[in-house]
N, C-alpha and C. Protein backbone atom coordinates (compact mmCIF):
# COMPACT_ATOMS: atom_id res chain seq x y z
N MET A 1 -156.78 -31.64 29.33
CA MET A 1 -155.89 -32.52 28.60
C MET A 1 -155.22 -31.72 27.49
N SER A 2 -153.90 -31.76 27.43
CA SER A 2 -153.18 -31.01 26.41
C SER A 2 -152.52 -31.96 25.41
N VAL A 3 -152.36 -31.47 24.20
CA VAL A 3 -151.71 -32.24 23.15
C VAL A 3 -150.28 -31.74 23.02
N GLU A 4 -149.32 -32.65 23.16
CA GLU A 4 -147.92 -32.28 23.05
C GLU A 4 -147.52 -32.30 21.57
N GLU A 5 -146.99 -31.18 21.09
CA GLU A 5 -146.55 -31.09 19.70
C GLU A 5 -145.08 -31.45 19.60
N GLU A 6 -144.70 -32.01 18.46
CA GLU A 6 -143.30 -32.34 18.19
C GLU A 6 -142.90 -31.71 16.87
N TYR A 7 -141.67 -31.25 16.81
CA TYR A 7 -141.12 -30.66 15.59
C TYR A 7 -139.84 -31.40 15.23
N TYR A 8 -139.64 -31.62 13.94
CA TYR A 8 -138.45 -32.30 13.47
C TYR A 8 -137.62 -31.33 12.64
N ILE A 9 -136.32 -31.30 12.91
CA ILE A 9 -135.39 -30.43 12.19
C ILE A 9 -134.37 -31.33 11.49
N SER A 10 -134.20 -31.16 10.19
CA SER A 10 -133.21 -31.93 9.43
C SER A 10 -132.04 -31.03 9.07
N LEU A 11 -130.85 -31.41 9.52
CA LEU A 11 -129.64 -30.67 9.21
C LEU A 11 -128.84 -31.45 8.17
N HIS A 12 -128.41 -30.75 7.10
CA HIS A 12 -127.59 -31.36 6.06
C HIS A 12 -126.23 -30.68 6.11
N VAL A 13 -125.15 -31.47 6.31
CA VAL A 13 -123.82 -30.91 6.49
C VAL A 13 -122.81 -31.63 5.60
N GLY A 14 -122.02 -30.86 4.86
CA GLY A 14 -120.87 -31.41 4.14
C GLY A 14 -121.16 -32.05 2.80
N GLY A 15 -122.36 -31.97 2.28
CA GLY A 15 -122.68 -32.57 0.99
C GLY A 15 -123.33 -31.55 0.08
N LYS A 16 -124.09 -32.04 -0.87
CA LYS A 16 -124.79 -31.12 -1.78
C LYS A 16 -126.09 -31.76 -2.25
N PHE A 17 -127.02 -30.91 -2.64
CA PHE A 17 -128.28 -31.36 -3.22
C PHE A 17 -128.10 -31.44 -4.73
N VAL A 18 -128.58 -32.51 -5.35
CA VAL A 18 -128.52 -32.67 -6.80
C VAL A 18 -129.92 -32.97 -7.32
N HIS A 19 -130.15 -32.65 -8.57
CA HIS A 19 -131.45 -32.87 -9.21
C HIS A 19 -131.22 -33.73 -10.44
N ASP A 20 -131.46 -35.06 -10.32
CA ASP A 20 -131.19 -35.96 -11.44
C ASP A 20 -132.10 -37.19 -11.44
N PRO A 21 -133.27 -37.23 -11.84
CA PRO A 21 -134.27 -36.20 -12.06
C PRO A 21 -134.97 -35.79 -10.77
N TYR A 22 -134.70 -36.47 -9.65
CA TYR A 22 -135.31 -36.10 -8.37
C TYR A 22 -134.27 -35.41 -7.49
N VAL A 23 -134.73 -34.54 -6.61
CA VAL A 23 -133.82 -33.85 -5.70
C VAL A 23 -133.41 -34.83 -4.60
N ARG A 24 -132.11 -34.95 -4.39
CA ARG A 24 -131.59 -35.79 -3.31
C ARG A 24 -130.30 -35.19 -2.77
N TYR A 25 -129.83 -35.70 -1.67
CA TYR A 25 -128.66 -35.18 -0.99
C TYR A 25 -127.52 -36.18 -1.12
N LEU A 26 -126.39 -35.74 -1.68
CA LEU A 26 -125.24 -36.62 -1.89
C LEU A 26 -124.09 -36.22 -0.97
N GLY A 27 -123.43 -37.22 -0.43
CA GLY A 27 -122.28 -36.98 0.43
C GLY A 27 -122.69 -36.36 1.75
N GLY A 28 -121.73 -36.08 2.57
CA GLY A 28 -122.01 -35.41 3.83
C GLY A 28 -122.85 -36.24 4.78
N GLU A 29 -123.52 -35.56 5.66
CA GLU A 29 -124.29 -36.21 6.70
C GLU A 29 -125.61 -35.48 6.92
N MET A 30 -126.66 -36.24 7.21
CA MET A 30 -127.94 -35.65 7.55
C MET A 30 -128.31 -36.08 8.97
N VAL A 31 -128.66 -35.11 9.79
CA VAL A 31 -129.05 -35.37 11.18
C VAL A 31 -130.48 -34.89 11.37
N ARG A 32 -131.30 -35.73 11.97
CA ARG A 32 -132.70 -35.36 12.24
C ARG A 32 -132.88 -35.20 13.74
N LEU A 33 -133.32 -34.02 14.14
CA LEU A 33 -133.52 -33.71 15.56
C LEU A 33 -135.00 -33.58 15.86
N LYS A 34 -135.41 -34.08 17.00
CA LYS A 34 -136.81 -33.95 17.44
C LYS A 34 -136.84 -32.96 18.60
N GLU A 35 -137.65 -31.93 18.47
CA GLU A 35 -137.75 -30.89 19.49
C GLU A 35 -139.21 -30.67 19.88
N GLY A 36 -139.42 -30.17 21.07
CA GLY A 36 -140.74 -29.80 21.55
C GLY A 36 -140.96 -28.31 21.35
N PRO A 37 -142.17 -27.83 21.50
CA PRO A 37 -142.46 -26.39 21.27
C PRO A 37 -141.77 -25.48 22.29
N ASN A 38 -141.39 -25.99 23.44
CA ASN A 38 -140.75 -25.16 24.46
C ASN A 38 -139.24 -25.03 24.26
N THR A 39 -138.65 -25.80 23.36
CA THR A 39 -137.21 -25.77 23.17
C THR A 39 -136.79 -25.15 21.84
N ILE A 40 -137.75 -24.76 21.01
CA ILE A 40 -137.43 -24.15 19.71
C ILE A 40 -137.42 -22.65 19.86
N SER A 41 -136.39 -22.02 19.30
CA SER A 41 -136.27 -20.57 19.34
C SER A 41 -136.42 -20.02 17.93
N TYR A 42 -137.29 -19.06 17.76
CA TYR A 42 -137.46 -18.40 16.46
C TYR A 42 -136.59 -17.17 16.42
N PHE A 43 -135.74 -17.06 15.41
CA PHE A 43 -134.84 -15.90 15.32
C PHE A 43 -134.72 -15.40 13.92
C-alpha cells in the first residue's frame, strides 16, 4: 500500500506584497496548483 503525496504551488502575478502590520498580497492574481510527486521538476 502506497501513500500518494500532494504538493501545492502558489503563484502570485501582477500585484505586490505589503506589510501593514501583517504580510498580505494586494492586486494581481493568485493561482494555487496541486501537483503530484511525479509531475514536479526540481531545477
